[in-house]
Protein backbone atom coordinates (compact mmCIF):
# COMPACT_ATOMS: atom_id res chain seq x y z
CA MET A 1 -0.20 -0.12 0.12
CA ALA A 2 2.91 2.21 0.78
CA THR A 3 4.18 2.01 -3.10
CA ALA A 4 0.94 2.80 -4.36
CA THR A 5 0.67 5.83 -1.98
CA ILE A 6 3.97 7.09 -3.45
CA LEU A 7 3.03 6.56 -6.83
CA LEU A 8 -0.14 8.54 -6.39
CA ALA A 9 2.02 11.29 -5.14
CA VAL A 10 4.14 10.87 -8.23
CA ALA A 11 1.00 11.20 -10.39
CA ALA A 12 -0.41 14.08 -9.04
CA THR A 13 2.76 15.84 -9.43
CA SER A 14 2.85 14.99 -13.47
CA CYS A 15 -0.87 16.02 -13.43
CA ALA A 16 0.08 19.45 -12.42
CA HIS A 17 1.62 20.19 -15.84
CA ALA A 18 -1.58 19.66 -17.62
CA PHE A 19 -1.41 22.74 -19.43
CA GLN A 20 1.74 21.18 -21.17
CA PRO A 21 1.29 20.20 -24.92
CA SER A 22 2.90 16.49 -24.54
CA LEU A 23 0.76 13.59 -24.75
CA LEU A 24 1.11 10.92 -22.66
CA PRO A 25 0.51 7.51 -24.32
CA LEU A 26 -2.43 5.23 -22.42
CA THR A 27 -0.87 1.68 -23.32
CA SER A 28 2.99 1.05 -24.15
CA THR A 29 4.27 -1.79 -25.41
CA ARG A 30 7.19 -0.85 -27.80
CA ILE A 31 10.48 -2.15 -27.17
CA SER A 32 13.87 -0.36 -27.59
CA SER A 33 16.58 -0.96 -29.10
CA SER A 34 18.06 -2.63 -25.49
CA SER A 35 15.32 -5.37 -26.27
CA PRO A 36 16.78 -8.64 -24.60
CA PHE A 37 16.60 -10.51 -27.92
CA PRO A 38 19.16 -10.30 -30.48
CA SER A 39 18.04 -8.99 -33.65
CA SER A 40 17.56 -11.49 -36.48
CA SER A 41 20.27 -10.28 -38.37
CA SER A 42 23.09 -10.70 -35.61
CA SER A 43 21.70 -14.41 -34.61
CA ALA A 44 20.39 -17.18 -36.54
CA GLY A 45 18.80 -18.28 -33.44
CA TYR A 46 15.92 -16.20 -33.39
CA ARG A 47 13.02 -15.35 -36.01
CA SER A 48 11.34 -11.67 -36.50
CA ILE A 49 7.56 -12.05 -36.72
CA PRO A 50 5.53 -8.95 -38.09
CA SER A 51 2.88 -7.74 -35.32
CA ARG A 52 -0.05 -8.24 -37.53
CA ALA A 53 0.88 -11.80 -37.78
CA ARG A 54 1.30 -12.22 -33.85
CA ALA A 55 -0.93 -14.30 -32.38
CA TRP A 56 -0.06 -14.27 -28.56
CA ARG A 57 -1.64 -11.38 -26.74
CA CYS A 58 -1.05 -12.56 -23.04
CA SER A 59 -1.44 -8.95 -21.64
CA ALA A 60 -4.50 -8.21 -23.41
CA ARG A 61 -6.49 -11.47 -21.90
CA ASP A 62 -4.74 -12.29 -18.37
CA ASP A 63 -6.84 -9.18 -16.20
CA GLY A 64 -10.02 -8.37 -18.28
CA ARG A 65 -12.25 -9.76 -20.86
CA ARG A 66 -11.80 -6.40 -23.43
CA THR A 67 -8.99 -5.47 -25.17
CA VAL A 68 -7.76 -1.37 -25.12
CA GLU A 69 -6.66 -0.21 -27.84
CA GLU A 70 -3.56 1.97 -28.12
CA THR A 71 -4.74 5.68 -27.09
CA ARG A 72 -3.29 9.00 -26.38
CA VAL A 73 -4.47 11.46 -24.13
CA ASN A 74 -2.81 14.79 -22.75
CA ARG A 75 -1.95 15.49 -19.15
CA ARG A 76 -5.36 16.98 -18.39
CA GLU A 77 -7.20 14.38 -19.48
CA ALA A 78 -5.20 11.80 -17.55
CA ALA A 79 -5.54 14.19 -14.48
CA VAL A 80 -9.36 13.24 -15.38
CA VAL A 81 -9.00 9.80 -15.59
CA LEU A 82 -6.89 9.38 -12.43
CA SER A 83 -9.71 11.10 -10.21
CA SER A 84 -12.18 8.34 -11.08
CA ILE A 85 -9.94 5.40 -11.20
CA VAL A 86 -11.99 3.59 -8.59
CA LEU A 87 -14.47 3.12 -11.58
CA LEU A 88 -12.15 1.75 -14.00
CA PRO A 89 -11.41 -1.85 -14.83
CA THR A 90 -7.95 -2.80 -15.05
CA LEU A 91 -6.26 -1.57 -18.29
CA THR A 92 -4.93 -4.20 -20.65
CA SER A 93 -2.74 -2.97 -23.34
CA ALA A 94 -3.21 -3.69 -26.91
CA ALA A 95 -0.99 -6.10 -29.00
CA ALA A 96 2.69 -5.62 -29.25
CA GLN A 97 3.46 -2.98 -32.05
CA ASP A 98 6.89 -4.00 -32.41
CA ASP A 99 8.15 -7.61 -34.20
CA VAL A 100 7.74 -10.73 -32.24
CA LYS A 101 11.32 -12.41 -32.01
CA LEU A 102 10.89 -16.32 -31.71
CA PRO A 103 13.76 -18.40 -30.03
CA LEU A 104 14.46 -20.76 -32.20
CA ALA A 105 15.53 -24.24 -31.29
CA PRO A 106 19.04 -25.89 -32.08
CA PRO A 107 19.13 -28.46 -34.70
CA GLY A 108 19.60 -31.88 -33.07
CA GLY A 109 16.27 -32.46 -31.82
CA PRO A 110 13.64 -30.67 -29.49
CA ARG A 111 14.68 -29.67 -25.93
CA ASN A 112 12.49 -30.07 -23.07
CA ILE A 113 11.55 -27.09 -21.06
CA VAL A 114 9.51 -27.18 -17.83
CA ILE A 115 8.17 -23.91 -16.72
CA THR A 116 6.38 -23.67 -13.08
CA GLY A 117 3.89 -21.04 -12.98
CA SER A 118 2.91 -21.13 -17.01
CA SER A 119 -0.72 -20.56 -16.53
CA SER A 120 -0.62 -16.81 -16.66
CA GLY A 121 1.70 -13.94 -17.38
CA ILE A 122 5.43 -13.83 -18.20
CA GLY A 123 5.40 -18.00 -17.55
CA LYS A 124 2.62 -18.32 -20.48
CA ASP A 125 3.82 -15.82 -22.66
CA ALA A 126 7.37 -17.59 -22.58
CA ALA A 127 5.76 -20.96 -22.93
CA CYS A 128 4.33 -19.74 -26.35
CA LYS A 129 7.36 -18.17 -27.88
CA LEU A 130 9.17 -21.06 -26.73
CA ALA A 131 6.90 -23.84 -28.37
CA ALA A 132 6.28 -21.84 -31.39
CA GLY A 133 10.39 -21.66 -31.78
CA GLY A 134 10.39 -25.74 -31.76
CA TYR A 135 11.16 -26.36 -28.00
CA ASN A 136 8.96 -29.09 -26.35
CA VAL A 137 7.31 -27.20 -23.52
CA PHE A 138 5.74 -28.59 -20.05
CA LEU A 139 3.42 -26.27 -18.35
CA ALA A 140 3.85 -27.34 -15.05
CA CYS A 141 0.60 -25.39 -13.00
CA ARG A 142 -0.87 -25.72 -9.55
CA THR A 143 -3.99 -27.93 -10.95
CA MET A 144 -4.11 -30.11 -13.99
CA GLU A 145 -7.37 -28.05 -15.13
CA LYS A 146 -5.22 -24.72 -15.15
CA ALA A 147 -2.19 -26.37 -17.20
CA MET A 148 -4.93 -27.39 -19.58
CA GLU A 149 -6.18 -24.24 -19.96
CA ALA A 150 -3.19 -22.67 -20.45
CA ARG A 151 -2.15 -25.38 -22.94
CA ASP A 152 -5.52 -25.08 -25.11
CA SER A 153 -5.44 -21.30 -24.69
CA VAL A 154 -2.10 -21.17 -27.05
CA GLU A 155 -1.74 -24.07 -28.74
CA GLU A 156 -3.52 -22.07 -32.02
CA GLU A 157 -1.46 -19.14 -31.84
CA VAL A 158 1.87 -21.20 -31.06
CA LYS A 159 0.87 -23.08 -34.52
CA LEU A 160 0.36 -19.92 -36.41
CA LEU A 161 3.76 -18.00 -35.01
CA ALA A 162 5.59 -21.29 -35.94
CA SER A 163 3.82 -21.16 -39.53
CA LYS A 164 4.96 -17.82 -40.12
CA ALA A 165 8.76 -18.32 -38.95
CA GLY A 166 8.77 -21.46 -41.39
CA ARG A 167 9.04 -23.82 -38.31
CA SER A 168 7.27 -27.10 -36.80
CA PRO A 169 6.18 -26.16 -33.27
CA GLY A 170 7.40 -27.89 -30.35
CA GLU A 171 4.66 -29.84 -27.93
CA LEU A 172 2.55 -28.11 -25.07
CA THR A 173 2.28 -30.50 -22.30
CA ALA A 174 0.18 -30.17 -19.12
CA MET A 175 1.13 -30.99 -15.95
CA GLU A 176 0.18 -30.63 -12.47
CA CYS A 177 2.45 -29.40 -9.90
CA ASP A 178 1.17 -27.24 -6.77
CA LEU A 179 4.43 -25.88 -5.19
CA SER A 180 2.27 -25.11 -2.09
CA SER A 181 2.14 -29.02 -1.68
CA LEU A 182 5.38 -31.26 -1.08
CA SER A 183 3.26 -34.67 -1.76
CA SER A 184 2.11 -32.67 -5.43
CA ILE A 185 5.82 -31.86 -6.02
CA LYS A 186 7.11 -35.65 -5.28
CA LYS A 187 4.37 -36.75 -7.40
CA PHE A 188 5.34 -34.29 -10.55
CA ALA A 189 9.03 -35.17 -9.67
CA ASP A 190 8.48 -39.20 -9.39
CA GLU A 191 6.00 -38.83 -12.69
CA TRP A 192 8.64 -37.10 -14.62
CA ASN A 193 11.91 -39.33 -13.61
CA LYS A 194 9.87 -42.58 -14.49
CA SER A 195 9.53 -40.97 -17.90
CA GLY A 196 13.47 -40.95 -18.51
CA LYS A 197 13.56 -37.98 -20.29
CA PRO A 198 15.81 -35.28 -20.00
CA ILE A 199 15.23 -31.61 -18.64
CA ASP A 200 17.28 -29.19 -20.57
CA VAL A 201 15.89 -26.04 -18.85
CA LEU A 202 14.13 -26.17 -15.71
CA VAL A 203 12.46 -22.61 -15.10
CA LEU A 204 11.58 -21.70 -11.72
CA ASN A 205 8.73 -18.74 -11.88
CA ALA A 206 5.56 -19.75 -10.07
CA GLY A 207 4.95 -17.22 -7.06
CA VAL A 208 2.56 -15.94 -4.34
CA ALA A 209 2.20 -12.68 -3.80
CA LEU A 210 -0.26 -11.96 -0.99
CA ASN A 211 -2.12 -8.43 -0.11
CA THR A 212 0.39 -6.31 1.53
CA GLY A 213 -2.48 -5.17 3.87
CA ALA A 214 -3.70 -8.69 4.95
CA ARG A 215 -3.29 -9.23 8.74
CA PRO A 216 -2.15 -12.59 10.57
CA PRO A 217 -2.44 -15.37 11.04
CA PRO A 218 -0.70 -16.13 7.99
CA PRO A 219 -1.86 -18.47 5.46
CA ARG A 220 -0.12 -21.78 5.38
CA THR A 221 0.71 -24.37 2.59
CA LYS A 222 -0.42 -27.84 2.72
CA ASP A 223 2.14 -29.00 5.16
CA GLY A 224 2.11 -25.87 7.48
CA PHE A 225 4.59 -23.69 6.23
CA GLU A 226 3.96 -19.93 5.41
CA VAL A 227 2.64 -19.77 1.99
CA THR A 228 4.62 -17.23 0.31
CA VAL A 229 8.16 -18.98 1.32
CA GLY A 230 6.72 -21.95 1.48
CA THR A 231 5.46 -21.48 -1.99
CA ASN A 232 8.14 -19.14 -3.63
CA HIS A 233 11.33 -20.83 -1.91
CA LEU A 234 10.60 -24.07 -0.14
CA GLY A 235 8.35 -25.43 -3.33
CA HIS A 236 11.12 -24.88 -5.80
CA PHE A 237 14.18 -25.84 -3.56
CA TYR A 238 12.32 -29.61 -2.87
CA LEU A 239 11.28 -29.75 -6.61
CA THR A 240 14.56 -29.09 -7.85
CA ASN A 241 16.73 -31.16 -5.53
CA LEU A 242 14.37 -33.93 -6.78
CA LEU A 243 14.74 -33.13 -10.73
CA LEU A 244 18.27 -32.33 -10.48
CA PRO A 245 19.12 -35.84 -12.08
CA ALA A 246 16.96 -35.27 -14.95
CA VAL A 247 18.30 -32.08 -15.68
CA GLU A 248 22.26 -33.50 -15.22
CA LYS A 249 20.98 -36.00 -18.23
CA SER A 250 20.50 -33.27 -21.01
CA SER A 251 23.15 -33.36 -23.54
CA ALA A 252 22.84 -29.72 -24.12
CA ALA A 253 23.90 -27.11 -21.83
CA PRO A 254 21.06 -27.40 -19.23
CA ARG A 255 20.12 -24.59 -17.22
CA ILE A 256 18.13 -24.03 -14.27
CA VAL A 257 16.55 -20.28 -14.22
CA VAL A 258 15.00 -18.94 -11.20
CA THR A 259 12.61 -15.93 -11.21
CA ALA A 260 13.43 -13.69 -8.54
CA SER A 261 13.10 -9.49 -7.79
CA GLN A 262 14.69 -6.59 -7.68
CA VAL A 263 12.76 -6.16 -4.26
CA HIS A 264 15.06 -8.67 -2.47
CA ASP A 265 17.38 -5.47 -2.57
CA PRO A 266 16.89 -3.25 0.28
CA SER A 267 18.65 -0.22 -1.88
CA SER A 268 16.16 -0.83 -4.72
CA PRO A 269 13.73 1.31 -5.98
CA GLY A 270 10.71 -1.33 -4.96
CA GLY A 271 12.78 -2.79 -2.32
CA ASN A 272 13.18 0.38 -0.21
CA VAL A 273 9.48 1.01 0.31
CA GLY A 274 7.59 -0.52 2.92
CA SER A 275 8.77 -3.50 5.04
CA LYS A 276 12.78 -4.35 3.49
CA ALA A 277 14.09 -7.75 3.00
CA THR A 278 16.32 -9.73 5.68
CA LEU A 279 16.38 -12.95 6.65
CA GLY A 280 18.28 -11.89 10.03
CA ASP A 281 19.41 -15.04 11.61
CA MET A 282 16.76 -17.11 10.50
CA GLN A 283 15.72 -18.50 13.54
CA GLY A 284 12.05 -18.87 12.67
CA LEU A 285 12.97 -21.16 9.62
CA ALA A 286 15.45 -23.08 12.04
CA ALA A 287 12.51 -23.68 14.36
CA GLY A 288 11.04 -25.98 12.14
CA ILE A 289 7.65 -25.70 10.47
CA ASP A 290 4.88 -23.44 12.46
CA TRP A 291 7.15 -19.94 12.17
CA GLU A 292 5.30 -16.89 10.83
CA MET A 293 8.77 -15.61 9.27
CA VAL A 294 11.57 -16.58 8.33
CA ASP A 295 13.66 -14.24 10.75
CA GLY A 296 11.45 -14.88 13.54
CA GLY A 297 9.44 -11.98 13.70
CA GLY A 298 5.64 -11.61 13.76
CA TRP A 299 4.05 -12.14 9.96
CA ASP A 300 4.49 -9.26 7.28
CA ALA A 301 3.08 -10.06 4.23
CA ASP A 302 5.01 -7.55 2.35
CA LYS A 303 8.09 -8.47 3.81
CA ALA A 304 7.02 -12.11 3.42
CA TYR A 305 7.31 -11.58 -0.34
CA LYS A 306 10.37 -9.72 -0.19
CA ASP A 307 12.15 -12.18 1.66
CA SER A 308 10.96 -15.08 -0.65
CA LYS A 309 12.73 -13.36 -3.37
CA LEU A 310 16.05 -12.97 -0.90
CA CYS A 311 15.80 -16.79 -0.55
CA ASN A 312 15.75 -17.21 -4.53
CA VAL A 313 18.77 -15.11 -4.94
CA LEU A 314 20.42 -16.84 -2.12
CA PHE A 315 19.39 -20.18 -3.55
CA THR A 316 20.56 -19.61 -7.07
CA ARG A 317 24.29 -18.72 -5.65
CA GLU A 318 24.20 -21.42 -3.40
CA LEU A 319 22.79 -24.27 -6.16
CA GLN A 320 25.55 -23.05 -8.49
CA ARG A 321 28.33 -23.11 -5.57
CA ARG A 322 27.20 -26.93 -5.25
CA LEU A 323 26.98 -27.65 -8.84
CA GLU A 324 30.40 -26.34 -9.55
CA ASP A 325 31.65 -28.35 -6.53
CA LYS A 326 30.58 -31.38 -7.74
CA GLY A 327 31.71 -30.76 -11.59
CA SER A 328 28.34 -30.36 -12.93
CA LYS A 329 27.66 -28.69 -16.57
CA VAL A 330 24.29 -27.44 -15.11
CA THR A 331 24.02 -23.65 -14.58
CA CYS A 332 21.96 -21.52 -12.60
CA ASN A 333 20.76 -17.93 -12.77
CA CYS A 334 18.20 -15.64 -11.51
CA PHE A 335 16.25 -12.60 -13.00
CA SER A 336 13.73 -9.91 -12.34
CA PRO A 337 11.46 -9.09 -15.32
CA GLY A 338 10.75 -5.81 -13.44
CA LEU A 339 7.15 -4.69 -12.15
CA ILE A 340 4.39 -6.13 -14.18
CA THR A 341 1.21 -5.13 -12.78
CA ARG A 342 -0.91 -7.18 -15.08
CA THR A 343 -0.08 -10.99 -14.16
CA GLY A 344 -1.61 -13.63 -12.04
CA LEU A 345 1.12 -12.53 -9.00
CA PHE A 346 -1.40 -9.37 -8.04
CA ARG A 347 -4.59 -11.34 -8.07
CA ASP A 348 -4.56 -11.30 -4.31
CA GLN A 349 -4.40 -7.11 -4.06
CA GLY A 350 -7.64 -5.31 -3.32
CA GLY A 351 -9.71 -3.48 -6.48
CA PHE A 352 -9.08 -0.20 -5.72
CA PHE A 353 -5.37 -1.00 -5.24
CA LEU A 354 -4.80 -2.63 -8.07
CA SER A 355 -6.63 -0.35 -10.62
CA ALA A 356 -4.85 2.38 -9.12
CA PHE A 357 -1.27 0.78 -9.14
CA ASP A 358 -1.77 -0.71 -12.49
CA PHE A 359 -2.79 2.44 -13.82
CA ILE A 360 -0.38 4.89 -12.45
CA ALA A 361 2.99 2.57 -12.88
CA ASN A 362 1.82 2.06 -16.47
CA ASN A 363 0.68 5.40 -17.74
CA VAL A 364 1.82 8.13 -15.25
CA VAL A 365 5.50 7.47 -13.91
CA ARG A 366 5.74 4.60 -16.60
CA VAL A 367 7.82 2.12 -14.32
CA ALA A 368 6.27 -0.89 -15.16
CA GLU A 369 7.01 -3.50 -17.79
CA THR A 370 4.52 -5.52 -20.16
CA VAL A 371 4.01 -9.10 -19.90
CA SER A 372 5.23 -9.40 -23.13
CA PHE A 373 8.81 -7.95 -22.03
CA GLY A 374 8.72 -10.31 -18.86
CA GLY A 375 7.99 -13.49 -21.42
CA ASP A 376 10.85 -12.14 -23.20
CA CYS A 377 13.25 -11.88 -20.07
CA LEU A 378 12.21 -15.27 -19.37
CA VAL A 379 13.12 -16.80 -22.59
CA THR A 380 16.74 -14.99 -22.97
CA MET A 381 17.46 -16.51 -19.79
CA ALA A 382 16.20 -19.76 -20.68
CA VAL A 383 17.78 -20.15 -24.14
CA SER A 384 19.58 -17.12 -25.12
CA ASP A 385 23.37 -17.42 -25.59
CA ALA A 386 24.10 -14.35 -23.91
CA LEU A 387 23.92 -16.49 -20.59
CA GLU A 388 25.93 -19.04 -21.89
CA GLY A 389 28.82 -19.53 -19.53
CA LYS A 390 27.26 -17.29 -16.62
CA ARG A 391 26.89 -19.09 -13.44
CA GLY A 392 24.86 -17.62 -10.59
CA VAL A 393 24.27 -14.56 -11.70
CA PHE A 394 21.27 -12.09 -11.38
CA TRP A 395 19.76 -10.06 -14.62
CA SER A 396 17.57 -7.37 -14.29
CA ASN A 397 15.16 -4.69 -15.79
CA SER A 398 17.99 -1.99 -14.66
CA LYS A 399 15.97 1.00 -16.13
CA PRO A 400 12.37 0.40 -14.97
CA GLY A 401 9.82 1.03 -17.51
CA LYS A 402 12.44 1.49 -20.31
CA HIS A 403 12.84 -2.28 -21.60
CA THR A 404 16.24 -2.87 -20.75
CA PHE A 405 17.61 -6.23 -19.72
CA GLU A 406 21.01 -6.51 -18.27
CA GLU A 407 23.10 -8.65 -15.46
CA VAL A 408 23.35 -6.57 -12.17
CA GLU A 409 24.49 -6.75 -8.86
CA VAL A 410 22.31 -8.25 -6.15
CA SER A 411 22.16 -7.02 -2.52
CA ALA A 412 24.74 -7.12 -0.24
CA GLU A 413 22.78 -9.69 1.87
CA ALA A 414 22.39 -11.93 -1.03
CA LYS A 415 26.00 -11.96 -1.81
CA ASP A 416 26.72 -13.51 1.76
CA ALA A 417 27.80 -17.02 0.88
CA GLN A 418 27.60 -18.08 4.59
CA LYS A 419 24.07 -16.89 4.66
CA ALA A 420 23.28 -18.99 1.71
CA ARG A 421 25.01 -22.00 3.01
CA ARG A 422 22.91 -22.09 6.02
CA LEU A 423 19.52 -21.18 4.16
CA TRP A 424 19.83 -24.55 2.05
CA GLU A 425 20.71 -26.28 5.76
CA LEU A 426 17.49 -24.80 7.27
CA SER A 427 15.22 -25.22 4.20
CA GLU A 428 16.76 -29.00 3.85
CA GLN A 429 15.70 -29.63 7.61
CA ALA A 430 12.25 -27.63 7.49
CA ILE A 431 11.06 -29.89 4.47
CA ALA A 432 12.39 -33.01 6.33
CA LEU A 433 10.36 -32.84 8.92
CA ALA A 434 7.84 -31.88 6.96
CA LEU A 435 7.83 -35.15 5.19
CA LYS A 436 8.24 -36.65 8.59
CA LYS A 437 4.74 -35.23 9.94
CA GLN A 438 3.27 -36.70 6.71
CA GLN A 439 4.51 -39.99 7.78
CA ALA A 440 3.36 -40.27 11.29
């Protein structure tokens, strides 16, 4: 809520310039020359598709049932719209104006990419682009119903994009994997491992972000963990450990990709608003299962999300260290796609908050990114040559709202190798206790 307050204040300042003739775009999906994808002229691994042929319009479907066409209003009109925003539905952006860049699977047979959290948002957008480029994509979603809906909603679009690129599309497979349930995770991993298929890229993208104004007691996972850290960190931690043998089977250069966030860093623009991320001495997690916060404090929904993202970064770095120690060819990196208001991540926020936050972030201060851009970031992390040989790094939209994506530094706490090692050990311990409790 503090974030929305600050954005509203900035918006009021912007609207004070109403008499200036400059125009304010109501929606913007333009990708700058610093797009994360290489141009088609510089890389044989990508194919550019004219926007009129683009069938994937995730951002026009995730939040509402209507498409808002590209519109321009002057600042006076923006002030009027802002004053009555409570009456508006969440705005959705029109189809992208620039070319779609498809990541083309290399020769030698389809590669398998598993994406958690692929029923909406950047996971779904990336799944569509990767499948259209010839990769076999496995949609690991909270329920089979959601996975099948995601698959069915993009199948025809995948075929159309692939046809325009002169490619044969990869397969889209719906699978159930509830990251808030250790039993569901185990079932998913067992089924995969029994199949004998390798995983070329494992993308840990699913996430939960509760209403920042929520009050205790905290919601909990099926195994008793605080739901935000339990899902965003512990669920992915357990899944990765179970699937690592399948990733190491890959004959290519296998990757593990973790969707983190800049808010893990208290000095970042998003991380310094409201509660700040810190795991402290992790005495909460050390207690086992019934903790409210990793640091042992009382539950704070805002901090829980930021802490979970800090856990994601620490996990990435510690996993990479362990992989290197045993001489594994697997690499693990994490990224932040930036602030994207039009995804399922914000589904728990209040209607007025979300409408105001969405409008201001996208159209007034313009610090938000599009779902399509976020999907591009995920695709880059998964298959781009730019990540070849990169180990344990963090990529982010370094200039919010400007569509830039590059390697950046993590927070001071995220660089603490001893803390990363301790988090790993306590995560193992907590999961072991939960599994033992299941058997009791």
